[in-house]
Amino acid sequence: MQSERNRPGDIASALARRSRASRGGAGGGPGGGAGGMWKRETFTLPRADARAKAREWFDHFPKAAYMTEIEFWRELPDGQIEFTIRRLPTAD
């Protein structure tokens, strides 16, 4: 018996779609899953704009306080960068 093999990018895309669908949108929010406490947002931007957007998030939600991180990123065939940033909703 042979199982279907997916490329890592295919698997990541499918997981990202499923994650966005289960949250009801790109903004994240409280939910019933294990990752329900994280706020997530996905962007698709040209490389320079993607860097600026990530810098803006890290400036506004510092990593030390909000545990902000780039959760996923990839370069699309058209040269744009798709990335997901996650952070905690509040800094305690």
C-alpha atoms as a PDB file:
ATOM      1  CA  MET A   1       0.000   0.000   0.000  1.00  0.00           C
ATOM      2  CA  GLN A   2       1.410   3.368  -1.008  1.00  0.00           C
ATOM      3  CA  SER A   3       0.427   6.570   0.771  1.00  0.00           C
ATOM      4  CA  GLU A   4       0.082   9.881  -1.024  1.00  0.00           C
ATOM      5  CA  ARG A   5       3.131  12.110  -0.520  1.00  0.00           C
ATOM      6  CA  ASN A   6       2.734  15.846  -0.179  1.00  0.00           C
ATOM      7  CA  ARG A   7       5.424  18.473  -0.382  1.00  0.00           C
ATOM      8  CA  PRO A   8       6.057  20.402   2.851  1.00  0.00           C
ATOM      9  CA  GLY A   9       4.613  23.546   1.240  1.00  0.00           C
ATOM     10  CA  ASP A  10       1.375  21.711   0.382  1.00  0.00           C
ATOM     11  CA  ILE A  11       1.040  20.479   3.944  1.00  0.00           C
ATOM     12  CA  ALA A  12       1.766  23.938   5.377  1.00  0.00           C
ATOM     13  CA  SER A  13      -0.798  25.562   3.082  1.00  0.00           C
ATOM     14  CA  ALA A  14      -3.462  23.035   4.016  1.00  0.00           C
ATOM     15  CA  LEU A  15      -2.770  23.517   7.727  1.00  0.00           C
ATOM     16  CA  ALA A  16      -2.877  27.306   7.358  1.00  0.00           C
ATOM     17  CA  ARG A  17      -6.226  27.129   5.532  1.00  0.00           C
ATOM     18  CA  ARG A  18      -7.662  24.797   8.160  1.00  0.00           C
ATOM     19  CA  SER A  19      -6.359  27.009  10.967  1.00  0.00           C
ATOM     20  CA  ARG A  20      -7.862  30.165   9.423  1.00  0.00           C
ATOM     21  CA  ALA A  21     -11.185  28.404   8.837  1.00  0.00           C
ATOM     22  CA  SER A  22     -11.369  27.143  12.426  1.00  0.00           C
ATOM     23  CA  ARG A  23     -10.725  30.678  13.746  1.00  0.00           C
ATOM     24  CA  GLY A  24     -13.334  32.244  11.506  1.00  0.00           C
ATOM     25  CA  GLY A  25     -10.843  34.596   9.837  1.00  0.00           C
ATOM     26  CA  ALA A  26      -7.272  35.778   9.807  1.00  0.00           C
ATOM     27  CA  GLY A  27      -7.448  37.748  13.043  1.00  0.00           C
ATOM     28  CA  GLY A  28      -7.452  34.779  15.393  1.00  0.00           C
ATOM     29  CA  GLY A  29      -9.183  35.034  18.713  1.00  0.00           C
ATOM     30  CA  PRO A  30     -10.191  32.989  21.684  1.00  0.00           C
ATOM     31  CA  GLY A  31     -11.239  29.515  20.731  1.00  0.00           C
ATOM     32  CA  GLY A  32     -11.606  25.977  21.897  1.00  0.00           C
ATOM     33  CA  GLY A  33      -8.355  24.624  20.465  1.00  0.00           C
ATOM     34  CA  ALA A  34      -4.947  24.393  22.055  1.00  0.00           C
ATOM     35  CA  GLY A  35      -3.841  27.534  20.202  1.00  0.00           C
ATOM     36  CA  GLY A  36      -6.983  29.478  21.128  1.00  0.00           C
ATOM     37  CA  MET A  37      -5.180  31.997  23.312  1.00  0.00           C
ATOM     38  CA  TRP A  38      -2.984  33.251  20.444  1.00  0.00           C
ATOM     39  CA  LYS A  39      -3.879  36.129  18.156  1.00  0.00           C
ATOM     40  CA  ARG A  40      -2.799  35.422  14.586  1.00  0.00           C
ATOM     41  CA  GLU A  41      -2.847  37.444  11.410  1.00  0.00           C
ATOM     42  CA  THR A  42      -1.750  36.391   7.946  1.00  0.00           C
ATOM     43  CA  PHE A  43      -0.397  38.831   5.364  1.00  0.00           C
ATOM     44  CA  THR A  44       0.604  38.522   1.702  1.00  0.00           C
ATOM     45  CA  LEU A  45       2.842  41.422   0.704  1.00  0.00           C
ATOM     46  CA  PRO A  46       5.823  42.297  -1.474  1.00  0.00           C
ATOM     47  CA  ARG A  47       9.112  41.512   0.308  1.00  0.00           C
ATOM     48  CA  ALA A  48       9.912  45.095   1.417  1.00  0.00           C
ATOM     49  CA  ASP A  49       6.353  45.674   2.667  1.00  0.00           C
ATOM     50  CA  ALA A  50       6.395  42.313   4.476  1.00  0.00           C
ATOM     51  CA  ARG A  51       9.547  43.323   6.340  1.00  0.00           C
ATOM     52  CA  ALA A  52       8.026  46.677   7.253  1.00  0.00           C
ATOM     53  CA  LYS A  53       4.793  45.032   8.487  1.00  0.00           C
ATOM     54  CA  ALA A  54       6.716  42.516  10.616  1.00  0.00           C
ATOM     55  CA  ARG A  55       8.856  45.331  12.061  1.00  0.00           C
ATOM     56  CA  GLU A  56       5.675  47.300  12.847  1.00  0.00           C
ATOM     57  CA  TRP A  57       4.208  44.335  14.735  1.00  0.00           C
ATOM     58  CA  PHE A  58       7.396  43.713  16.726  1.00  0.00           C
ATOM     59  CA  ASP A  59       7.560  47.429  17.617  1.00  0.00           C
ATOM     60  CA  HIS A  60       3.905  47.526  18.692  1.00  0.00           C
ATOM     61  CA  PHE A  61       3.850  44.085  20.379  1.00  0.00           C
ATOM     62  CA  PRO A  62       7.385  43.454  21.755  1.00  0.00           C
ATOM     63  CA  LYS A  63       8.485  39.836  21.779  1.00  0.00           C
ATOM     64  CA  ALA A  64       9.395  39.919  25.482  1.00  0.00           C
ATOM     65  CA  ALA A  65       5.893  41.018  26.532  1.00  0.00           C
ATOM     66  CA  TYR A  66       3.608  39.445  23.911  1.00  0.00           C
ATOM     67  CA  MET A  67       5.724  36.483  22.760  1.00  0.00           C
ATOM     68  CA  THR A  68       5.330  37.808  19.210  1.00  0.00           C
ATOM     69  CA  GLU A  69       6.800  35.616  16.482  1.00  0.00           C
ATOM     70  CA  ILE A  70       6.613  34.871  12.794  1.00  0.00           C
ATOM     71  CA  GLU A  71       4.822  31.544  12.935  1.00  0.00           C
ATOM     72  CA  PHE A  72       4.989  30.701   9.229  1.00  0.00           C
ATOM     73  CA  TRP A  73       6.318  32.287   6.070  1.00  0.00           C
ATOM     74  CA  ARG A  74       6.891  31.379   2.445  1.00  0.00           C
ATOM     75  CA  GLU A  75       7.750  33.040  -0.841  1.00  0.00           C
ATOM     76  CA  LEU A  76       4.981  32.745  -3.421  1.00  0.00           C
ATOM     77  CA  PRO A  77       5.664  32.145  -7.125  1.00  0.00           C
ATOM     78  CA  ASP A  78       4.917  35.820  -7.879  1.00  0.00           C
ATOM     79  CA  GLY A  79       7.655  36.902  -5.443  1.00  0.00           C
ATOM     80  CA  GLN A  80       5.339  38.059  -2.658  1.00  0.00           C
ATOM     81  CA  ILE A  81       5.827  36.847   0.900  1.00  0.00           C
ATOM     82  CA  GLU A  82       2.981  35.171   2.762  1.00  0.00           C
ATOM     83  CA  PHE A  83       3.498  35.106   6.519  1.00  0.00           C
ATOM     84  CA  THR A  84       1.576  34.575   9.732  1.00  0.00           C
ATOM     85  CA  ILE A  85       2.412  36.503  12.899  1.00  0.00           C
ATOM     86  CA  ARG A  86       1.194  35.320  16.272  1.00  0.00           C
ATOM     87  CA  ARG A  87       1.177  37.013  19.658  1.00  0.00           C
ATOM     88  CA  LEU A  88      -0.518  36.806  23.018  1.00  0.00           C
ATOM     89  CA  PRO A  89      -3.594  39.031  23.313  1.00  0.00           C
ATOM     90  CA  THR A  90      -2.260  40.885  26.371  1.00  0.00           C
ATOM     91  CA  ALA A  91       0.984  41.456  28.169  1.00  0.00           C
ATOM     92  CA  ASP A  92       0.683  40.548  31.844  1.00  0.00           C
END
